[in-house]
Amino acid sequence: MKTDMDAPPVLGLPLEAPAVNPNCGVCAALARQRADARAAGDFSKVADVNVELRSHQAAIS
């Protein structure tokens, strides 16, 4: 039986919000969703949209 605790996880700083390509309609739509979520205080949605933006940008690169 284990009687000691595991070491605490080491967390890094949060990633910065990805930049939006102004010439991309998908980026613009996601930026609007992110702004709406931030205005509503839904920071979980903000994080989700940031992930989607990064995935989109990686797919078109």
C-alpha atoms as a PDB file:
ATOM      1  CA  MET A   1       0.000   0.000   0.000  1.00  0.00           C
ATOM      2  CA  LYS A   2       1.349   3.391  -1.014  1.00  0.00           C
ATOM      3  CA  THR A   3       1.446   5.968   1.793  1.00  0.00           C
ATOM      4  CA  ASP A   4       3.057   8.978   0.124  1.00  0.00           C
ATOM      5  CA  MET A   5       1.674  11.423  -2.395  1.00  0.00           C
ATOM      6  CA  ASP A   6       2.771  11.874  -5.986  1.00  0.00           C
ATOM      7  CA  ALA A   7       4.585  15.068  -6.858  1.00  0.00           C
ATOM      8  CA  PRO A   8       2.291  17.912  -7.929  1.00  0.00           C
ATOM      9  CA  PRO A   9       1.930  18.485 -11.665  1.00  0.00           C
ATOM     10  CA  VAL A  10       3.979  21.257 -13.194  1.00  0.00           C
ATOM     11  CA  LEU A  11       1.841  23.599 -15.264  1.00  0.00           C
ATOM     12  CA  GLY A  12       3.168  26.078 -17.777  1.00  0.00           C
ATOM     13  CA  LEU A  13       1.768  29.466 -18.595  1.00  0.00           C
ATOM     14  CA  PRO A  14      -1.372  29.498 -20.732  1.00  0.00           C
ATOM     15  CA  LEU A  15      -0.835  29.878 -24.468  1.00  0.00           C
ATOM     16  CA  GLU A  16      -1.508  33.271 -25.982  1.00  0.00           C
ATOM     17  CA  ALA A  17      -4.605  33.651 -28.130  1.00  0.00           C
ATOM     18  CA  PRO A  18      -3.774  32.763 -31.734  1.00  0.00           C
ATOM     19  CA  ALA A  19      -3.686  35.609 -34.231  1.00  0.00           C
ATOM     20  CA  VAL A  20      -6.404  35.749 -36.860  1.00  0.00           C
ATOM     21  CA  ASN A  21      -5.693  35.952 -40.593  1.00  0.00           C
ATOM     22  CA  PRO A  22      -7.864  38.886 -41.750  1.00  0.00           C
ATOM     23  CA  ASN A  23      -8.104  37.401 -45.259  1.00  0.00           C
ATOM     24  CA  CYS A  24      -9.614  34.109 -44.075  1.00  0.00           C
ATOM     25  CA  GLY A  25     -13.361  33.753 -43.628  1.00  0.00           C
ATOM     26  CA  VAL A  26     -13.015  30.802 -41.244  1.00  0.00           C
ATOM     27  CA  CYS A  27     -10.589  32.735 -39.036  1.00  0.00           C
ATOM     28  CA  ALA A  28     -12.933  35.734 -39.030  1.00  0.00           C
ATOM     29  CA  ALA A  29     -15.927  33.578 -38.025  1.00  0.00           C
ATOM     30  CA  LEU A  30     -13.937  31.929 -35.245  1.00  0.00           C
ATOM     31  CA  ALA A  31     -12.708  35.336 -34.041  1.00  0.00           C
ATOM     32  CA  ARG A  32     -16.343  36.498 -33.774  1.00  0.00           C
ATOM     33  CA  GLN A  33     -17.251  33.369 -31.808  1.00  0.00           C
ATOM     34  CA  ARG A  34     -14.305  33.968 -29.492  1.00  0.00           C
ATOM     35  CA  ALA A  35     -15.243  37.614 -28.943  1.00  0.00           C
ATOM     36  CA  ASP A  36     -18.869  36.689 -28.226  1.00  0.00           C
ATOM     37  CA  ALA A  37     -17.802  33.991 -25.759  1.00  0.00           C
ATOM     38  CA  ARG A  38     -15.407  36.373 -24.014  1.00  0.00           C
ATOM     39  CA  ALA A  39     -18.128  39.033 -23.754  1.00  0.00           C
ATOM     40  CA  ALA A  40     -20.475  36.441 -22.227  1.00  0.00           C
ATOM     41  CA  GLY A  41     -17.802  35.373 -19.731  1.00  0.00           C
ATOM     42  CA  ASP A  42     -17.639  31.853 -21.197  1.00  0.00           C
ATOM     43  CA  PHE A  43     -13.884  31.358 -20.991  1.00  0.00           C
ATOM     44  CA  SER A  44     -14.181  27.620 -21.555  1.00  0.00           C
ATOM     45  CA  LYS A  45     -15.669  28.420 -24.985  1.00  0.00           C
ATOM     46  CA  VAL A  46     -12.895  30.983 -25.563  1.00  0.00           C
ATOM     47  CA  ALA A  47     -10.319  28.244 -24.948  1.00  0.00           C
ATOM     48  CA  ASP A  48     -12.204  25.830 -27.228  1.00  0.00           C
ATOM     49  CA  VAL A  49     -12.287  28.382 -30.059  1.00  0.00           C
ATOM     50  CA  ASN A  50      -8.569  29.078 -29.586  1.00  0.00           C
ATOM     51  CA  VAL A  51      -7.887  25.348 -30.008  1.00  0.00           C
ATOM     52  CA  GLU A  52     -10.049  25.310 -33.138  1.00  0.00           C
ATOM     53  CA  LEU A  53      -8.217  28.355 -34.525  1.00  0.00           C
ATOM     54  CA  ARG A  54      -4.829  26.715 -33.958  1.00  0.00           C
ATOM     55  CA  SER A  55      -6.018  23.516 -35.627  1.00  0.00           C
ATOM     56  CA  HIS A  56      -7.418  25.444 -38.593  1.00  0.00           C
ATOM     57  CA  GLN A  57      -4.235  27.441 -39.019  1.00  0.00           C
ATOM     58  CA  ALA A  58      -2.085  24.304 -38.827  1.00  0.00           C
ATOM     59  CA  ALA A  59      -4.263  22.619 -41.475  1.00  0.00           C
ATOM     60  CA  ILE A  60      -3.855  25.472 -43.969  1.00  0.00           C
ATOM     61  CA  SER A  61      -0.113  25.982 -43.349  1.00  0.00           C
END
